[in-house]
Amino acid sequence: MTELKKYLSKFPFFPSEKNLFLHLEDFTQKHFASSSLLVFSIKAKFAEVNLDKCRSVLGKKERLQLYSAKLLDELITRRFELKSIPYFLIKSEDSFYYFLNLGFKRDQFYFAIFSSPIQIAEDILVCLSNFNDSHLKIVEKFDELYKGQELIHIDDVTGLYNQRKLYKDLARLVDKYQHEKDPFSVLFIDIDHFKRVNDNYGHLIGTKLLENVAHDVKSLLRDSDISYRYGGDEFVIILVNSDGVSGKKVGERILAKIRSRDYEVDLRDASKTLKLSVSIGVAEFPTDAKNAQDVLAIADRMMYEAKESGRGLVFNTQDVFKSSLKKIVEQK
């Protein structure tokens, strides 16, 4: 406990959840020879911690392969406990497996998985859980202050950021990658056949639908993800610390939500419900592109590939490669 107090008193705070969790990892590895932390977040409103719905914050989901299927099954079985207790522990013959409640930030619940050859005292685990929860609240305050300074970059129709902010953020994240090696993915979204909506119902109805679609898109994102109105009926999303595979999964969730919605429009004499669909392109930095301009251009190109393949699809570069390969085989 003495070492923990020293750690907490000298904590070099930076206003980001990733830095918070990196310092937690440094402490557990130094004092308890722990494995690298796997940190995940999930929407707090979800009733259960389903790993398929969780987003990786620190560590890669592929590292879950280091844990046995039996162990992960127990995590799922005990998922309801994790939001109401600081931690729980699973013992094996040669190791201790910890699932640590890291707290809440706005509408996100954070938790960590790690192992150690040492059994960590309960008071230390409770203290670490409370410490991370309180600092997530501080990070949230910093985020709010930052967003207050960013109001000049807000699109007045959708409430999302505008194109100018997109270019600034892409340049910032590319520069950040040089130091921290954090990949990110870009989603380029276009509403299918939206011109017909404007032609049939007018631009006022179209504007309201853009606002509703923007709200639905943003509701599926983490706090750390950034959403923009690119122009017209086009949107862009940056998924921070996320690869192209995760990006496609998020795109598929967005497509599914928009397709499932009945969008109400108020006409002069009655109300009407409309069904909408989107085409989405995904690109990953640095795998698919080496600079900010190219990653956006490739995501845009993938969106057009989705449109040309029938609309209502999510395409990444792997999909285009598979499609091209299939055509070559068919031609032979």
C-alpha atoms as a PDB file:
ATOM      1  CA  MET A   1       0.000   0.000   0.000  1.00  0.00           C
ATOM      2  CA  THR A   2       2.963   2.318   0.613  1.00  0.00           C
ATOM      3  CA  GLU A   3       4.091   1.908  -2.986  1.00  0.00           C
ATOM      4  CA  LEU A   4       0.571   2.637  -4.178  1.00  0.00           C
ATOM      5  CA  LYS A   5       0.438   5.892  -2.190  1.00  0.00           C
ATOM      6  CA  LYS A   6       3.759   6.959  -3.702  1.00  0.00           C
ATOM      7  CA  TYR A   7       2.442   6.138  -7.158  1.00  0.00           C
ATOM      8  CA  LEU A   8      -0.747   8.120  -6.653  1.00  0.00           C
ATOM      9  CA  SER A   9       1.053  11.110  -5.134  1.00  0.00           C
ATOM     10  CA  LYS A  10       3.454  11.339  -8.079  1.00  0.00           C
ATOM     11  CA  PHE A  11       0.906  10.637 -10.755  1.00  0.00           C
ATOM     12  CA  PRO A  12       1.868  12.681 -13.858  1.00  0.00           C
ATOM     13  CA  PHE A  13      -1.654  13.460 -14.996  1.00  0.00           C
ATOM     14  CA  PHE A  14      -2.424  14.078 -18.641  1.00  0.00           C
ATOM     15  CA  PRO A  15      -6.011  14.806 -19.690  1.00  0.00           C
ATOM     16  CA  SER A  16      -6.636  11.637 -21.710  1.00  0.00           C
ATOM     17  CA  GLU A  17      -7.973   8.244 -20.743  1.00  0.00           C
ATOM     18  CA  LYS A  18      -5.207   6.458 -22.649  1.00  0.00           C
ATOM     19  CA  ASN A  19      -2.460   8.136 -20.614  1.00  0.00           C
ATOM     20  CA  LEU A  20      -4.375   7.312 -17.450  1.00  0.00           C
ATOM     21  CA  PHE A  21      -4.495   3.627 -18.347  1.00  0.00           C
ATOM     22  CA  LEU A  22      -0.865   3.540 -19.497  1.00  0.00           C
ATOM     23  CA  HIS A  23       0.238   4.703 -16.063  1.00  0.00           C
ATOM     24  CA  LEU A  24      -1.985   2.102 -14.445  1.00  0.00           C
ATOM     25  CA  GLU A  25      -0.325  -0.535 -16.606  1.00  0.00           C
ATOM     26  CA  ASP A  26       3.114   0.762 -15.632  1.00  0.00           C
ATOM     27  CA  PHE A  27       2.230   0.423 -11.940  1.00  0.00           C
ATOM     28  CA  THR A  28       0.812  -3.107 -12.155  1.00  0.00           C
ATOM     29  CA  GLN A  29       3.703  -4.359 -14.273  1.00  0.00           C
ATOM     30  CA  LYS A  30       6.332  -2.813 -12.022  1.00  0.00           C
ATOM     31  CA  HIS A  31       4.906  -4.003  -8.695  1.00  0.00           C
ATOM     32  CA  PHE A  32       2.948  -7.124  -9.579  1.00  0.00           C
ATOM     33  CA  ALA A  33       4.669  -8.389 -12.752  1.00  0.00           C
ATOM     34  CA  SER A  34       1.321  -8.165 -14.515  1.00  0.00           C
ATOM     35  CA  SER A  35       0.640  -8.798 -18.158  1.00  0.00           C
ATOM     36  CA  SER A  36      -0.127  -5.883 -20.441  1.00  0.00           C
ATOM     37  CA  LEU A  37      -3.532  -4.414 -19.738  1.00  0.00           C
ATOM     38  CA  LEU A  38      -6.433  -4.949 -22.072  1.00  0.00           C
ATOM     39  CA  VAL A  39      -8.756  -1.975 -21.559  1.00  0.00           C
ATOM     40  CA  PHE A  40     -12.208  -1.836 -23.112  1.00  0.00           C
ATOM     41  CA  SER A  41     -15.120   0.563 -23.153  1.00  0.00           C
ATOM     42  CA  ILE A  42     -18.801  -0.010 -23.739  1.00  0.00           C
ATOM     43  CA  LYS A  43     -21.886   2.192 -23.718  1.00  0.00           C
ATOM     44  CA  ALA A  44     -22.997   2.491 -20.099  1.00  0.00           C
ATOM     45  CA  LYS A  45     -26.643   1.984 -21.060  1.00  0.00           C
ATOM     46  CA  PHE A  46     -25.928  -1.563 -22.253  1.00  0.00           C
ATOM     47  CA  ALA A  47     -27.227  -4.038 -19.700  1.00  0.00           C
ATOM     48  CA  GLU A  48     -24.331  -6.413 -20.151  1.00  0.00           C
ATOM     49  CA  VAL A  49     -20.611  -6.436 -20.833  1.00  0.00           C
ATOM     50  CA  ASN A  50     -20.535  -8.338 -24.102  1.00  0.00           C
ATOM     51  CA  LEU A  51     -16.991  -8.345 -25.476  1.00  0.00           C
ATOM     52  CA  ASP A  52     -18.312  -8.314 -29.043  1.00  0.00           C
ATOM     53  CA  LYS A  53     -19.835  -4.891 -28.343  1.00  0.00           C
ATOM     54  CA  CYS A  54     -16.776  -3.502 -26.544  1.00  0.00           C
ATOM     55  CA  ARG A  55     -14.187  -1.209 -28.098  1.00  0.00           C
ATOM     56  CA  SER A  56     -10.489  -1.578 -27.420  1.00  0.00           C
ATOM     57  CA  VAL A  57      -8.970   1.429 -25.635  1.00  0.00           C
ATOM     58  CA  LEU A  58      -5.589  -0.028 -24.684  1.00  0.00           C
ATOM     59  CA  GLY A  59      -4.206  -3.224 -26.170  1.00  0.00           C
ATOM     60  CA  LYS A  60      -5.521  -5.137 -29.150  1.00  0.00           C
ATOM     61  CA  LYS A  61      -8.442  -7.513 -29.140  1.00  0.00           C
ATOM     62  CA  GLU A  62      -6.225 -10.124 -30.790  1.00  0.00           C
ATOM     63  CA  ARG A  63      -4.403 -10.395 -27.465  1.00  0.00           C
ATOM     64  CA  LEU A  64      -7.553 -11.916 -26.022  1.00  0.00           C
ATOM     65  CA  GLN A  65      -6.238 -15.115 -27.588  1.00  0.00           C
ATOM     66  CA  LEU A  66      -3.765 -15.227 -24.713  1.00  0.00           C
ATOM     67  CA  TYR A  67      -6.701 -16.001 -22.430  1.00  0.00           C
ATOM     68  CA  SER A  68      -8.454 -19.360 -22.472  1.00  0.00           C
ATOM     69  CA  ALA A  69     -11.979 -19.753 -23.768  1.00  0.00           C
ATOM     70  CA  LYS A  70     -13.012 -20.977 -20.329  1.00  0.00           C
ATOM     71  CA  LEU A  71     -11.717 -17.797 -18.704  1.00  0.00           C
ATOM     72  CA  LEU A  72     -13.517 -15.553 -21.193  1.00  0.00           C
ATOM     73  CA  ASP A  73     -16.705 -17.555 -20.708  1.00  0.00           C
ATOM     74  CA  GLU A  74     -16.503 -16.823 -16.989  1.00  0.00           C
ATOM     75  CA  LEU A  75     -16.111 -13.112 -17.725  1.00  0.00           C
ATOM     76  CA  ILE A  76     -19.281 -13.200 -19.815  1.00  0.00           C
ATOM     77  CA  THR A  77     -21.093 -15.217 -17.139  1.00  0.00           C
ATOM     78  CA  ARG A  78     -20.182 -12.661 -14.465  1.00  0.00           C
ATOM     79  CA  ARG A  79     -20.673  -9.599 -16.672  1.00  0.00           C
ATOM     80  CA  PHE A  80     -23.387  -8.079 -14.484  1.00  0.00           C
ATOM     81  CA  GLU A  81     -21.042  -7.946 -11.489  1.00  0.00           C
ATOM     82  CA  LEU A  82     -18.400  -5.812 -13.134  1.00  0.00           C
ATOM     83  CA  LYS A  83     -20.399  -2.575 -13.183  1.00  0.00           C
ATOM     84  CA  SER A  84     -21.321  -2.746  -9.497  1.00  0.00           C
ATOM     85  CA  ILE A  85     -18.078  -3.935  -7.849  1.00  0.00           C
ATOM     86  CA  PRO A  86     -14.485  -2.620  -8.091  1.00  0.00           C
ATOM     87  CA  TYR A  87     -13.060  -5.898  -9.416  1.00  0.00           C
ATOM     88  CA  PHE A  88     -13.338  -9.623  -9.479  1.00  0.00           C
ATOM     89  CA  LEU A  89     -10.637 -12.272  -9.451  1.00  0.00           C
ATOM     90  CA  ILE A  90     -10.305 -15.694 -11.041  1.00  0.00           C
ATOM     91  CA  LYS A  91      -7.608 -18.008  -9.730  1.00  0.00           C
ATOM     92  CA  SER A  92      -5.789 -20.667 -11.712  1.00  0.00           C
ATOM     93  CA  GLU A  93      -2.912 -22.990 -10.803  1.00  0.00           C
ATOM     94  CA  ASP A  94      -0.170 -20.579 -11.838  1.00  0.00           C
ATOM     95  CA  SER A  95      -1.770 -17.149 -12.167  1.00  0.00           C
ATOM     96  CA  PHE A  96      -4.412 -14.708 -10.985  1.00  0.00           C
ATOM     97  CA  TYR A  97      -6.738 -13.079 -13.519  1.00  0.00           C
ATOM     98  CA  TYR A  98      -8.187  -9.676 -12.694  1.00  0.00           C
ATOM     99  CA  PHE A  99     -11.144  -7.815 -14.174  1.00  0.00           C
ATOM    100  CA  LEU A 100     -10.919  -4.239 -12.895  1.00  0.00           C
ATOM    101  CA  ASN A 101     -13.734  -1.692 -12.966  1.00  0.00           C
ATOM    102  CA  LEU A 102     -12.125   1.557 -14.180  1.00  0.00           C
ATOM    103  CA  GLY A 103     -15.243   3.675 -13.889  1.00  0.00           C
ATOM    104  CA  PHE A 104     -17.422   5.809 -16.114  1.00  0.00           C
ATOM    105  CA  LYS A 105     -16.808   8.732 -18.409  1.00  0.00           C
ATOM    106  CA  ARG A 106     -20.016  10.326 -19.624  1.00  0.00           C
ATOM    107  CA  ASP A 107     -21.890   7.417 -21.241  1.00  0.00           C
ATOM    108  CA  GLN A 108     -18.948   5.002 -21.426  1.00  0.00           C
ATOM    109  CA  PHE A 109     -18.058   2.238 -18.967  1.00  0.00           C
ATOM    110  CA  TYR A 110     -14.360   1.233 -18.865  1.00  0.00           C
ATOM    111  CA  PHE A 111     -12.833  -2.007 -17.587  1.00  0.00           C
ATOM    112  CA  ALA A 112      -9.459  -3.779 -17.732  1.00  0.00           C
ATOM    113  CA  ILE A 113      -8.318  -7.379 -17.991  1.00  0.00           C
ATOM    114  CA  PHE A 114      -4.862  -8.471 -16.837  1.00  0.00           C
ATOM    115  CA  SER A 115      -3.072 -11.364 -15.174  1.00  0.00           C
ATOM    116  CA  SER A 116      -0.383 -11.562 -12.485  1.00  0.00           C
ATOM    117  CA  PRO A 117       1.545 -14.341 -10.737  1.00  0.00           C
ATOM    118  CA  ILE A 118       0.862 -12.431  -7.493  1.00  0.00           C
ATOM    119  CA  GLN A 119      -2.412 -12.058  -5.634  1.00  0.00           C
ATOM    120  CA  ILE A 120      -2.972  -8.332  -5.237  1.00  0.00           C
ATOM    121  CA  ALA A 121      -4.467  -7.115  -1.960  1.00  0.00           C
ATOM    122  CA  GLU A 122      -8.126  -6.123  -2.092  1.00  0.00           C
ATOM    123  CA  ASP A 123      -7.556  -2.613  -0.715  1.00  0.00           C
ATOM    124  CA  ILE A 124      -5.074  -1.890  -3.511  1.00  0.00           C
ATOM    125  CA  LEU A 125      -7.486  -3.044  -6.218  1.00  0.00           C
ATOM    126  CA  VAL A 126     -10.333  -1.008  -4.730  1.00  0.00           C
ATOM    127  CA  CYS A 127      -8.065   2.044  -4.544  1.00  0.00           C
ATOM    128  CA  LEU A 128      -6.949   1.639  -8.174  1.00  0.00           C
ATOM    129  CA  SER A 129     -10.557   1.306  -9.311  1.00  0.00           C
ATOM    130  CA  ASN A 130     -11.649   4.439  -7.424  1.00  0.00           C
ATOM    131  CA  PHE A 131      -8.593   6.406  -8.554  1.00  0.00           C
ATOM    132  CA  ASN A 132      -9.217   5.668 -12.236  1.00  0.00           C
ATOM    133  CA  ASP A 133     -12.918   6.443 -11.921  1.00  0.00           C
ATOM    134  CA  SER A 134     -12.261   9.851 -10.341  1.00  0.00           C
ATOM    135  CA  HIS A 135      -9.646  10.742 -12.967  1.00  0.00           C
ATOM    136  CA  LEU A 136     -11.936   9.750 -15.797  1.00  0.00           C
ATOM    137  CA  LYS A 137     -14.290  12.432 -14.488  1.00  0.00           C
ATOM    138  CA  ILE A 138     -11.414  14.931 -14.708  1.00  0.00           C
ATOM    139  CA  VAL A 139     -10.695  13.829 -18.278  1.00  0.00           C
ATOM    140  CA  GLU A 140     -14.378  14.388 -19.021  1.00  0.00           C
ATOM    141  CA  LYS A 141     -14.128  17.986 -17.730  1.00  0.00           C
ATOM    142  CA  PHE A 142     -11.089  18.617 -19.925  1.00  0.00           C
ATOM    143  CA  ASP A 143     -13.036  17.248 -22.906  1.00  0.00           C
ATOM    144  CA  GLU A 144     -15.912  19.624 -22.188  1.00  0.00           C
ATOM    145  CA  LEU A 145     -13.559  22.615 -22.004  1.00  0.00           C
ATOM    146  CA  TYR A 146     -11.926  21.578 -25.263  1.00  0.00           C
ATOM    147  CA  LYS A 147     -15.288  21.221 -26.987  1.00  0.00           C
ATOM    148  CA  GLY A 148     -16.262  24.677 -25.754  1.00  0.00           C
ATOM    149  CA  GLN A 149     -13.288  26.107 -27.631  1.00  0.00           C
ATOM    150  CA  GLU A 150     -14.262  24.171 -30.760  1.00  0.00           C
ATOM    151  CA  LEU A 151     -17.713  25.738 -31.268  1.00  0.00           C
ATOM    152  CA  ILE A 152     -16.475  27.684 -34.293  1.00  0.00           C
ATOM    153  CA  HIS A 153     -16.000  24.341 -36.024  1.00  0.00           C
ATOM    154  CA  ILE A 154     -19.591  23.131 -35.514  1.00  0.00           C
ATOM    155  CA  ASP A 155     -21.926  22.560 -38.467  1.00  0.00           C
ATOM    156  CA  ASP A 156     -25.145  24.442 -37.685  1.00  0.00           C
ATOM    157  CA  VAL A 157     -27.444  21.843 -39.313  1.00  0.00           C
ATOM    158  CA  THR A 158     -26.210  18.582 -37.783  1.00  0.00           C
ATOM    159  CA  GLY A 159     -24.242  19.696 -34.727  1.00  0.00           C
ATOM    160  CA  LEU A 160     -21.259  17.715 -35.993  1.00  0.00           C
ATOM    161  CA  TYR A 161     -17.864  19.214 -36.706  1.00  0.00           C
ATOM    162  CA  ASN A 162     -17.292  20.796 -40.104  1.00  0.00           C
ATOM    163  CA  GLN A 163     -14.875  20.035 -42.929  1.00  0.00           C
ATOM    164  CA  ARG A 164     -12.295  22.561 -41.735  1.00  0.00           C
ATOM    165  CA  LYS A 165     -12.058  20.793 -38.370  1.00  0.00           C
ATOM    166  CA  LEU A 166     -11.750  17.427 -40.149  1.00  0.00           C
ATOM    167  CA  TYR A 167      -8.609  18.486 -41.993  1.00  0.00           C
ATOM    168  CA  LYS A 168      -7.051  19.841 -38.789  1.00  0.00           C
ATOM    169  CA  ASP A 169      -7.814  16.646 -36.857  1.00  0.00           C
ATOM    170  CA  LEU A 170      -6.477  14.369 -39.584  1.00  0.00           C
ATOM    171  CA  ALA A 171      -3.197  16.299 -39.651  1.00  0.00           C
ATOM    172  CA  ARG A 172      -3.010  16.158 -35.835  1.00  0.00           C
ATOM    173  CA  LEU A 173      -3.618  12.403 -35.686  1.00  0.00           C
ATOM    174  CA  VAL A 174      -1.065  11.684 -38.416  1.00  0.00           C
ATOM    175  CA  ASP A 175       1.491  13.708 -36.473  1.00  0.00           C
ATOM    176  CA  LYS A 176       0.504  11.946 -33.245  1.00  0.00           C
ATOM    177  CA  TYR A 177       1.095   8.574 -34.896  1.00  0.00           C
ATOM    178  CA  GLN A 178       4.746   9.437 -35.385  1.00  0.00           C
ATOM    179  CA  HIS A 179       5.154   9.592 -31.586  1.00  0.00           C
ATOM    180  CA  GLU A 180       2.607   7.165 -30.150  1.00  0.00           C
ATOM    181  CA  LYS A 181       1.998   4.736 -33.044  1.00  0.00           C
ATOM    182  CA  ASP A 182      -1.783   4.887 -32.569  1.00  0.00           C
ATOM    183  CA  PRO A 183      -3.585   3.871 -35.773  1.00  0.00           C
ATOM    184  CA  PHE A 184      -6.969   5.311 -36.665  1.00  0.00           C
ATOM    185  CA  SER A 185      -9.633   4.573 -39.237  1.00  0.00           C
ATOM    186  CA  VAL A 186     -11.779   6.912 -41.311  1.00  0.00           C
ATOM    187  CA  LEU A 187     -15.375   6.224 -42.351  1.00  0.00           C
ATOM    188  CA  PHE A 188     -16.832   8.134 -45.294  1.00  0.00           C
ATOM    189  CA  ILE A 189     -20.658   7.986 -45.283  1.00  0.00           C
ATOM    190  CA  ASP A 190     -23.064   9.017 -48.009  1.00  0.00           C
ATOM    191  CA  ILE A 191     -26.865   8.777 -47.767  1.00  0.00           C
ATOM    192  CA  ASP A 192     -28.177   6.741 -50.701  1.00  0.00           C
ATOM    193  CA  HIS A 193     -30.481   8.511 -53.184  1.00  0.00           C
ATOM    194  CA  PHE A 194     -30.761  11.581 -50.966  1.00  0.00           C
ATOM    195  CA  LYS A 195     -31.343  13.842 -53.969  1.00  0.00           C
ATOM    196  CA  ARG A 196     -34.709  12.120 -54.424  1.00  0.00           C
ATOM    197  CA  VAL A 197     -35.680  13.138 -50.873  1.00  0.00           C
ATOM    198  CA  ASN A 198     -34.910  16.802 -51.574  1.00  0.00           C
ATOM    199  CA  ASP A 199     -36.649  16.658 -54.952  1.00  0.00           C
ATOM    200  CA  ASN A 200     -39.787  14.929 -53.607  1.00  0.00           C
ATOM    201  CA  TYR A 201     -40.191  16.578 -50.199  1.00  0.00           C
ATOM    202  CA  GLY A 202     -38.138  19.775 -50.300  1.00  0.00           C
ATOM    203  CA  HIS A 203     -34.939  20.944 -48.653  1.00  0.00           C
ATOM    204  CA  LEU A 204     -36.526  21.665 -45.264  1.00  0.00           C
ATOM    205  CA  ILE A 205     -37.448  17.988 -44.921  1.00  0.00           C
ATOM    206  CA  GLY A 206     -34.002  17.034 -46.203  1.00  0.00           C
ATOM    207  CA  THR A 207     -32.334  19.220 -43.597  1.00  0.00           C
ATOM    208  CA  LYS A 208     -34.348  17.620 -40.785  1.00  0.00           C
ATOM    209  CA  LEU A 209     -33.403  14.152 -42.023  1.00  0.00           C
ATOM    210  CA  LEU A 210     -29.726  15.113 -42.087  1.00  0.00           C
ATOM    211  CA  GLU A 211     -30.017  16.171 -38.446  1.00  0.00           C
ATOM    212  CA  ASN A 212     -31.681  12.868 -37.509  1.00  0.00           C
ATOM    213  CA  VAL A 213     -29.125  10.737 -39.361  1.00  0.00           C
ATOM    214  CA  ALA A 214     -26.271  12.661 -37.732  1.00  0.00           C
ATOM    215  CA  HIS A 215     -27.785  11.969 -34.303  1.00  0.00           C
ATOM    216  CA  ASP A 216     -28.098   8.243 -35.071  1.00  0.00           C
ATOM    217  CA  VAL A 217     -24.509   8.058 -36.294  1.00  0.00           C
ATOM    218  CA  LYS A 218     -23.111   9.825 -33.244  1.00  0.00           C
ATOM    219  CA  SER A 219     -25.113   7.656 -30.830  1.00  0.00           C
ATOM    220  CA  LEU A 220     -23.041   4.615 -31.856  1.00  0.00           C
ATOM    221  CA  LEU A 221     -19.643   6.219 -31.289  1.00  0.00           C
ATOM    222  CA  ARG A 222     -17.274   6.418 -28.326  1.00  0.00           C
ATOM    223  CA  ASP A 223     -16.457   9.734 -26.694  1.00  0.00           C
ATOM    224  CA  SER A 224     -13.013   9.617 -28.291  1.00  0.00           C
ATOM    225  CA  ASP A 225     -14.376   9.184 -31.841  1.00  0.00           C
ATOM    226  CA  ILE A 226     -14.974  12.318 -33.907  1.00  0.00           C
ATOM    227  CA  SER A 227     -17.816  12.922 -36.368  1.00  0.00           C
ATOM    228  CA  TYR A 228     -18.112  15.546 -39.113  1.00  0.00           C
ATOM    229  CA  ARG A 229     -20.488  16.746 -41.781  1.00  0.00           C
ATOM    230  CA  TYR A 230     -18.305  16.737 -44.859  1.00  0.00           C
ATOM    231  CA  GLY A 231     -20.831  18.493 -47.066  1.00  0.00           C
ATOM    232  CA  GLY A 232     -24.323  17.931 -48.434  1.00  0.00           C
ATOM    233  CA  ASP A 233     -25.435  14.460 -47.346  1.00  0.00           C
ATOM    234  CA  GLU A 234     -21.897  13.189 -46.660  1.00  0.00           C
ATOM    235  CA  PHE A 235     -20.439  12.491 -43.230  1.00  0.00           C
ATOM    236  CA  VAL A 236     -16.979  11.479 -42.034  1.00  0.00           C
ATOM    237  CA  ILE A 237     -16.031   9.694 -38.835  1.00  0.00           C
ATOM    238  CA  ILE A 238     -12.574   9.266 -37.337  1.00  0.00           C
ATOM    239  CA  LEU A 239     -12.282   6.241 -35.057  1.00  0.00           C
ATOM    240  CA  VAL A 240      -9.290   6.962 -32.834  1.00  0.00           C
ATOM    241  CA  ASN A 241      -6.976   4.058 -31.981  1.00  0.00           C
ATOM    242  CA  SER A 242      -8.956   1.753 -34.248  1.00  0.00           C
ATOM    243  CA  ASP A 243      -7.991  -0.416 -37.218  1.00  0.00           C
ATOM    244  CA  GLY A 244      -9.842  -1.015 -40.466  1.00  0.00           C
ATOM    245  CA  VAL A 245     -11.504  -4.222 -39.241  1.00  0.00           C
ATOM    246  CA  SER A 246     -13.022  -2.398 -36.270  1.00  0.00           C
ATOM    247  CA  GLY A 247     -13.905   0.460 -38.580  1.00  0.00           C
ATOM    248  CA  LYS A 248     -15.915  -1.839 -40.826  1.00  0.00           C
ATOM    249  CA  LYS A 249     -17.779  -3.275 -37.821  1.00  0.00           C
ATOM    250  CA  VAL A 250     -18.732   0.235 -36.702  1.00  0.00           C
ATOM    251  CA  GLY A 251     -19.800   1.048 -40.253  1.00  0.00           C
ATOM    252  CA  GLU A 252     -22.019  -2.041 -40.331  1.00  0.00           C
ATOM    253  CA  ARG A 253     -23.654  -0.999 -37.047  1.00  0.00           C
ATOM    254  CA  ILE A 254     -24.328   2.464 -38.454  1.00  0.00           C
ATOM    255  CA  LEU A 255     -25.809   1.013 -41.638  1.00  0.00           C
ATOM    256  CA  ALA A 256     -27.988  -1.415 -39.662  1.00  0.00           C
ATOM    257  CA  LYS A 257     -29.316   1.333 -37.378  1.00  0.00           C
ATOM    258  CA  ILE A 258     -30.189   3.718 -40.201  1.00  0.00           C
ATOM    259  CA  ARG A 259     -31.847   0.968 -42.232  1.00  0.00           C
ATOM    260  CA  SER A 260     -33.926  -0.132 -39.233  1.00  0.00           C
ATOM    261  CA  ARG A 261     -35.255   3.362 -38.505  1.00  0.00           C
ATOM    262  CA  ASP A 262     -38.529   4.843 -39.649  1.00  0.00           C
ATOM    263  CA  TYR A 263     -37.734   8.527 -40.241  1.00  0.00           C
ATOM    264  CA  GLU A 264     -40.831  10.662 -39.773  1.00  0.00           C
ATOM    265  CA  VAL A 265     -41.363  13.737 -41.923  1.00  0.00           C
ATOM    266  CA  ASP A 266     -44.136  16.277 -41.459  1.00  0.00           C
ATOM    267  CA  LEU A 267     -45.822  17.129 -44.725  1.00  0.00           C
ATOM    268  CA  ARG A 268     -48.409  19.845 -45.237  1.00  0.00           C
ATOM    269  CA  ASP A 269     -51.443  17.599 -44.733  1.00  0.00           C
ATOM    270  CA  ALA A 270     -50.022  14.554 -42.967  1.00  0.00           C
ATOM    271  CA  SER A 271     -46.929  12.873 -41.632  1.00  0.00           C
ATOM    272  CA  LYS A 272     -44.998  10.184 -43.471  1.00  0.00           C
ATOM    273  CA  THR A 273     -42.237   7.742 -42.612  1.00  0.00           C
ATOM    274  CA  LEU A 274     -39.252   7.257 -44.871  1.00  0.00           C
ATOM    275  CA  LYS A 275     -36.662   4.487 -45.021  1.00  0.00           C
ATOM    276  CA  LEU A 276     -33.057   5.486 -45.601  1.00  0.00           C
ATOM    277  CA  SER A 277     -29.833   3.687 -46.364  1.00  0.00           C
ATOM    278  CA  VAL A 278     -26.162   4.682 -46.542  1.00  0.00           C
ATOM    279  CA  SER A 279     -23.038   3.595 -48.357  1.00  0.00           C
ATOM    280  CA  ILE A 280     -19.866   3.624 -46.267  1.00  0.00           C
ATOM    281  CA  GLY A 281     -16.177   3.481 -47.147  1.00  0.00           C
ATOM    282  CA  VAL A 282     -13.470   2.631 -44.617  1.00  0.00           C
ATOM    283  CA  ALA A 283      -9.731   3.348 -44.696  1.00  0.00           C
ATOM    284  CA  GLU A 284      -7.075   2.761 -42.048  1.00  0.00           C
ATOM    285  CA  PHE A 285      -4.023   4.864 -41.267  1.00  0.00           C
ATOM    286  CA  PRO A 286      -1.203   3.938 -41.784  1.00  0.00           C
ATOM    287  CA  THR A 287      -2.041   0.579 -43.427  1.00  0.00           C
ATOM    288  CA  ASP A 288      -3.998   2.047 -46.357  1.00  0.00           C
ATOM    289  CA  ALA A 289      -2.405   5.487 -46.604  1.00  0.00           C
ATOM    290  CA  LYS A 290       0.677   7.400 -45.500  1.00  0.00           C
ATOM    291  CA  ASN A 291      -0.751  10.906 -45.119  1.00  0.00           C
ATOM    292  CA  ALA A 292      -3.923  12.704 -44.094  1.00  0.00           C
ATOM    293  CA  GLN A 293      -5.080  13.525 -47.630  1.00  0.00           C
ATOM    294  CA  ASP A 294      -4.737   9.949 -48.867  1.00  0.00           C
ATOM    295  CA  VAL A 295      -6.547   8.268 -45.980  1.00  0.00           C
ATOM    296  CA  LEU A 296      -9.568  10.522 -46.562  1.00  0.00           C
ATOM    297  CA  ALA A 297      -9.388  10.022 -50.332  1.00  0.00           C
ATOM    298  CA  ILE A 298      -9.226   6.234 -49.968  1.00  0.00           C
ATOM    299  CA  ALA A 299     -12.206   6.180 -47.579  1.00  0.00           C
ATOM    300  CA  ASP A 300     -14.074   8.297 -50.143  1.00  0.00           C
ATOM    301  CA  ARG A 301     -13.098   5.862 -52.906  1.00  0.00           C
ATOM    302  CA  MET A 302     -14.260   2.893 -50.825  1.00  0.00           C
ATOM    303  CA  MET A 303     -17.609   4.645 -50.366  1.00  0.00           C
ATOM    304  CA  TYR A 304     -17.970   4.958 -54.153  1.00  0.00           C
ATOM    305  CA  GLU A 305     -17.051   1.277 -54.513  1.00  0.00           C
ATOM    306  CA  ALA A 306     -19.893   0.491 -52.092  1.00  0.00           C
ATOM    307  CA  LYS A 307     -22.283   2.594 -54.196  1.00  0.00           C
ATOM    308  CA  GLU A 308     -21.152   1.012 -57.448  1.00  0.00           C
ATOM    309  CA  SER A 309     -21.639  -2.438 -55.921  1.00  0.00           C
ATOM    310  CA  GLY A 310     -25.304  -1.819 -55.154  1.00  0.00           C
ATOM    311  CA  ARG A 311     -25.472   0.768 -52.325  1.00  0.00           C
ATOM    312  CA  GLY A 312     -26.335   0.033 -48.716  1.00  0.00           C
ATOM    313  CA  LEU A 313     -22.903  -1.572 -48.202  1.00  0.00           C
ATOM    314  CA  VAL A 314     -19.747  -1.030 -46.178  1.00  0.00           C
ATOM    315  CA  PHE A 315     -16.490  -1.397 -48.110  1.00  0.00           C
ATOM    316  CA  ASN A 316     -12.846  -1.318 -47.046  1.00  0.00           C
ATOM    317  CA  THR A 317      -9.715  -1.936 -49.120  1.00  0.00           C
ATOM    318  CA  GLN A 318      -9.818  -5.674 -48.406  1.00  0.00           C
ATOM    319  CA  ASP A 319     -13.330  -5.872 -49.848  1.00  0.00           C
ATOM    320  CA  VAL A 320     -12.211  -4.111 -53.031  1.00  0.00           C
ATOM    321  CA  PHE A 321      -9.224  -6.477 -53.353  1.00  0.00           C
ATOM    322  CA  LYS A 322     -11.499  -9.523 -52.947  1.00  0.00           C
ATOM    323  CA  SER A 323     -13.975  -8.103 -55.455  1.00  0.00           C
ATOM    324  CA  SER A 324     -11.227  -7.465 -58.029  1.00  0.00           C
ATOM    325  CA  LEU A 325      -9.783 -10.937 -57.491  1.00  0.00           C
ATOM    326  CA  LYS A 326     -13.212 -12.496 -57.979  1.00  0.00           C
ATOM    327  CA  LYS A 327     -13.670 -10.661 -61.285  1.00  0.00           C
ATOM    328  CA  ILE A 328     -10.257 -11.869 -62.505  1.00  0.00           C
ATOM    329  CA  VAL A 329     -11.148 -15.465 -61.624  1.00  0.00           C
ATOM    330  CA  GLU A 330     -14.540 -15.191 -63.319  1.00  0.00           C
ATOM    331  CA  GLN A 331     -12.926 -13.797 -66.472  1.00  0.00           C
ATOM    332  CA  LYS A 332     -10.600 -16.787 -66.627  1.00  0.00           C
END
